[in-house]
Amino acid sequence: MYNPPAFREERPDILYGLIREARLALLVSNGAGGVPDVTHLPLTLVEEQGVLLGHVARANPHAAALREAGRALAIFRGAEAYVSPNWYPSKAEHHRVVPTWNYEAVHAEGPVEVIEDPARLHAIVALLTERQEAAQPRPWSVEDAPASFVAGQLKGILGLSLRIERLTGKRKLSQNRAEPDRSGARAGLAASVDPRDRAMAEVMQRAADRG
């Protein structure tokens, strides 16, 4: 990932926070013919172990490719939004401004293990479910389904464990602009009818407050 110093994010709490908040990840590994293998899937972070856990369908050929590749890259995206040059006060001064796109991204790279053991698979699925169901008024649990049914479902999946060896973060939040332009961009995004734009405005404001 191209990552100029102005946009580089290395604070672990922020990087882990972005991973936890991401709803869906991209898991990428070297594939045949020079084209990467890619799977869209939720991954959950076990911070104390430094691993990402998830699962794929047993029929997904990416599982066999992961075994062969041995390593993978998990990509997590945070807020993102188009930034109009009309929001920059400097536009009125000299017009030497162009559009851009602000975004947050985290790349986690490391060795990946494909898991078939039923007990480990059950633990992975239970953890993923517990975290995703936490916000529900009556959280569903794997234990709510018959054990024989769950065992049958587990036969159709393979677990994944990616040990994070390298964590790369990028937060492009208009840091390369002067403060008046950054404020203008925040205001323009905050006034948008698109909730994704307003989410980026909030991220930019929090970053400005934190420094």
Protein backbone atom coordinates (compact mmCIF):
# COMPACT_ATOMS: atom_id res chain seq x y z
CA MET A 1 0.00 0.00 0.00
CA TYR A 2 1.36 3.40 -0.98
CA ASN A 3 1.68 5.16 2.35
CA PRO A 4 3.29 8.63 2.45
CA PRO A 5 4.48 9.76 5.90
CA ALA A 6 1.72 12.37 6.25
CA PHE A 7 -0.94 9.67 6.17
CA ARG A 8 0.91 6.89 8.00
CA GLU A 9 -0.81 5.55 11.12
CA GLU A 10 1.27 3.45 13.53
CA ARG A 11 -0.59 3.74 16.85
CA PRO A 12 -1.70 0.21 17.78
CA ASP A 13 -4.85 1.34 19.60
CA ILE A 14 -6.11 3.12 16.49
CA LEU A 15 -5.15 0.27 14.13
CA TYR A 16 -6.78 -2.35 16.33
CA GLY A 17 -9.81 -0.10 16.69
CA LEU A 18 -10.22 0.11 12.93
CA ILE A 19 -9.93 -3.67 12.63
CA ARG A 20 -12.58 -4.19 15.31
CA GLU A 21 -14.95 -1.66 13.71
CA ALA A 22 -14.63 -3.04 10.16
CA ARG A 23 -17.68 -5.04 9.17
CA LEU A 24 -16.09 -7.08 6.40
CA ALA A 25 -12.49 -7.81 5.43
CA LEU A 26 -10.71 -8.83 2.27
CA LEU A 27 -8.37 -11.81 2.63
CA VAL A 28 -5.78 -11.85 -0.16
CA SER A 29 -3.05 -14.36 -0.98
CA ASN A 30 -0.81 -15.18 -3.92
CA GLY A 31 -2.71 -17.07 -6.59
CA ALA A 32 -2.09 -18.81 -9.87
CA GLY A 33 -1.24 -16.96 -13.06
CA GLY A 34 -0.15 -13.81 -11.28
CA VAL A 35 -3.69 -13.01 -10.10
CA PRO A 36 -4.36 -12.87 -6.32
CA ASP A 37 -6.95 -15.07 -4.64
CA VAL A 38 -9.46 -12.95 -2.71
CA THR A 39 -12.21 -13.80 -0.24
CA HIS A 40 -14.65 -11.38 1.42
CA LEU A 41 -15.27 -12.46 5.00
CA PRO A 42 -15.64 -11.20 8.56
CA LEU A 43 -12.48 -11.58 10.64
CA THR A 44 -12.31 -11.10 14.37
CA LEU A 45 -9.25 -9.86 16.22
CA VAL A 46 -7.91 -11.71 19.26
CA GLU A 47 -5.63 -8.92 20.35
CA GLU A 48 -3.86 -10.72 23.20
CA GLN A 49 -2.80 -13.47 20.78
CA GLY A 50 -2.11 -11.19 17.82
CA VAL A 51 -4.29 -13.26 15.49
CA LEU A 52 -7.26 -12.81 13.20
CA LEU A 53 -9.84 -15.61 13.14
CA GLY A 54 -12.47 -16.47 10.56
CA HIS A 55 -13.76 -19.25 8.36
CA VAL A 56 -14.53 -20.01 4.73
CA ALA A 57 -16.67 -22.56 2.95
CA ARG A 58 -14.88 -25.89 2.56
CA ALA A 59 -15.80 -25.72 -1.14
CA ASN A 60 -13.98 -22.38 -1.54
CA PRO A 61 -10.82 -23.11 -3.57
CA HIS A 62 -9.10 -20.23 -1.79
CA ALA A 63 -8.66 -22.51 1.26
CA ALA A 64 -6.39 -24.87 -0.69
CA ALA A 65 -4.58 -21.87 -2.17
CA LEU A 66 -3.99 -20.49 1.33
CA ARG A 67 -2.40 -23.75 2.40
CA GLU A 68 -0.06 -23.54 -0.56
CA ALA A 69 0.70 -19.82 -0.20
CA GLY A 70 1.26 -20.05 3.54
CA ARG A 71 0.79 -16.30 4.00
CA ALA A 72 -2.06 -13.88 3.52
CA LEU A 73 -2.98 -10.22 3.75
CA ALA A 74 -6.15 -9.08 5.47
CA ILE A 75 -7.46 -5.67 4.41
CA PHE A 76 -9.80 -3.60 6.59
CA ARG A 77 -11.42 -0.35 5.49
CA GLY A 78 -12.67 2.43 7.71
CA ALA A 79 -14.40 5.68 6.78
CA GLU A 80 -14.06 6.98 3.22
CA ALA A 81 -15.39 9.97 1.32
CA TYR A 82 -14.89 12.21 -1.72
CA VAL A 83 -13.49 15.65 -0.90
CA SER A 84 -14.52 18.54 -3.17
CA PRO A 85 -12.05 21.37 -3.81
CA ASN A 86 -15.01 23.74 -3.43
CA TRP A 87 -14.71 23.23 0.32
CA TYR A 88 -11.19 24.67 0.49
CA PRO A 89 -10.89 28.37 1.34
CA SER A 90 -7.65 28.35 -0.67
CA LYS A 91 -9.73 27.82 -3.83
CA ALA A 92 -10.91 31.42 -3.61
CA GLU A 93 -7.32 32.59 -3.21
CA HIS A 94 -5.48 30.87 -6.06
CA HIS A 95 -7.66 28.04 -7.53
CA ARG A 96 -4.69 25.64 -7.38
CA VAL A 97 -6.73 22.85 -5.82
CA VAL A 98 -8.01 19.48 -7.01
CA PRO A 99 -10.46 16.84 -5.73
CA THR A 100 -9.28 13.95 -3.60
CA TRP A 101 -10.56 10.99 -1.64
CA ASN A 102 -10.05 10.56 2.09
CA TYR A 103 -10.04 7.09 3.62
CA GLU A 104 -8.80 4.80 6.36
CA ALA A 105 -7.27 1.37 5.74
CA VAL A 106 -5.36 -1.25 7.71
CA HIS A 107 -3.38 -4.14 6.22
CA ALA A 108 -2.52 -7.12 8.44
CA GLU A 109 0.00 -9.58 7.01
CA GLY A 110 1.34 -12.88 8.28
CA PRO A 111 1.29 -16.67 8.13
CA VAL A 112 -2.15 -18.24 7.83
CA GLU A 113 -3.33 -21.60 9.15
CA VAL A 114 -6.26 -23.55 7.71
CA ILE A 115 -8.12 -25.31 10.53
CA GLU A 116 -10.16 -28.51 10.28
CA ASP A 117 -10.26 -29.64 13.91
CA PRO A 118 -13.95 -29.62 14.97
CA ALA A 119 -13.25 -28.28 18.48
CA ARG A 120 -11.19 -25.36 17.18
CA LEU A 121 -13.76 -24.68 14.47
CA HIS A 122 -16.53 -24.61 17.07
CA ALA A 123 -14.54 -22.15 19.20
CA ILE A 124 -13.95 -19.85 16.21
CA VAL A 125 -17.62 -19.86 15.20
CA ALA A 126 -18.72 -19.32 18.80
CA LEU A 127 -16.39 -16.31 19.20
CA LEU A 128 -17.43 -14.74 15.89
CA THR A 129 -21.10 -15.20 16.78
CA GLU A 130 -20.69 -13.82 20.29
CA ARG A 131 -19.07 -10.64 19.03
CA GLN A 132 -21.53 -10.07 16.18
CA GLU A 133 -24.57 -10.79 18.34
CA ALA A 134 -23.44 -8.59 21.23
CA ALA A 135 -25.57 -5.63 20.11
CA GLN A 136 -28.77 -7.67 19.73
CA PRO A 137 -31.44 -7.31 22.43
CA ARG A 138 -31.47 -11.10 22.81
CA PRO A 139 -28.11 -12.36 21.47
CA TRP A 140 -28.22 -15.66 19.63
CA SER A 141 -25.65 -18.26 20.67
CA VAL A 142 -24.26 -21.27 18.84
CA GLU A 143 -25.56 -23.26 21.83
CA ASP A 144 -29.10 -22.24 20.84
CA ALA A 145 -28.96 -24.65 17.88
CA PRO A 146 -28.99 -28.45 18.29
CA ALA A 147 -25.47 -29.84 18.75
CA SER A 148 -25.94 -32.34 15.93
CA PHE A 149 -27.01 -29.54 13.56
CA VAL A 150 -24.00 -27.40 14.50
CA ALA A 151 -21.67 -30.38 14.00
CA GLY A 152 -23.10 -30.88 10.53
CA GLN A 153 -22.66 -27.22 9.66
CA LEU A 154 -19.04 -27.26 10.84
CA LYS A 155 -18.28 -30.00 8.32
CA GLY A 156 -18.95 -27.48 5.55
CA ILE A 157 -16.38 -24.89 6.65
CA LEU A 158 -12.68 -24.49 7.32
CA GLY A 159 -11.30 -22.20 9.99
CA LEU A 160 -8.62 -19.59 9.37
CA SER A 161 -6.06 -18.14 11.75
CA LEU A 162 -3.79 -15.36 10.52
CA ARG A 163 -0.95 -14.45 12.88
CA ILE A 164 -0.22 -10.73 12.48
CA GLU A 165 3.45 -10.15 11.76
CA ARG A 166 3.10 -6.82 10.02
CA LEU A 167 0.45 -4.16 10.56
CA THR A 168 0.26 -1.22 8.17
CA GLY A 169 -2.15 1.65 8.69
CA LYS A 170 -3.11 4.59 6.51
CA ARG A 171 -5.47 7.41 7.42
CA LYS A 172 -5.77 9.97 4.63
CA LEU A 173 -7.60 12.76 6.44
CA SER A 174 -6.43 15.88 4.57
CA GLN A 175 -3.27 16.14 6.70
CA ASN A 176 -1.45 17.50 3.66
CA ARG A 177 -3.70 20.58 3.56
CA ALA A 178 -3.43 23.74 5.65
CA GLU A 179 -5.76 23.94 8.64
CA PRO A 180 -8.32 26.23 6.93
CA ASP A 181 -8.68 23.71 4.11
CA ARG A 182 -8.94 20.81 6.57
CA SER A 183 -11.67 22.67 8.43
CA GLY A 184 -13.44 23.41 5.15
CA ALA A 185 -13.33 19.76 4.17
CA ARG A 186 -14.71 18.69 7.54
CA ALA A 187 -17.53 21.21 7.28
CA GLY A 188 -18.40 20.17 3.73
CA LEU A 189 -18.50 16.49 4.68
CA ALA A 190 -20.50 17.18 7.85
CA ALA A 191 -23.15 19.01 5.80
CA SER A 192 -23.58 16.13 3.34
CA VAL A 193 -26.80 14.13 3.16
CA ASP A 194 -24.72 10.96 2.78
CA PRO A 195 -24.05 9.32 6.17
CA ARG A 196 -20.74 7.99 4.85
CA ASP A 197 -19.53 11.56 4.32
CA ARG A 198 -20.66 12.59 7.80
CA ALA A 199 -18.83 9.57 9.24
CA MET A 200 -15.62 10.80 7.63
CA ALA A 201 -16.20 14.29 9.03
CA GLU A 202 -16.47 12.78 12.52
CA VAL A 203 -13.25 10.80 12.01
CA MET A 204 -11.44 13.94 10.87
CA GLN A 205 -12.74 15.89 13.86
CA ARG A 206 -11.66 13.19 16.32
CA ALA A 207 -8.22 13.06 14.70
CA ALA A 208 -7.92 16.86 14.98
CA ASP A 209 -8.96 16.76 18.64
CA ARG A 210 -6.51 13.99 19.44
CA GLY A 211 -3.64 15.50 17.47
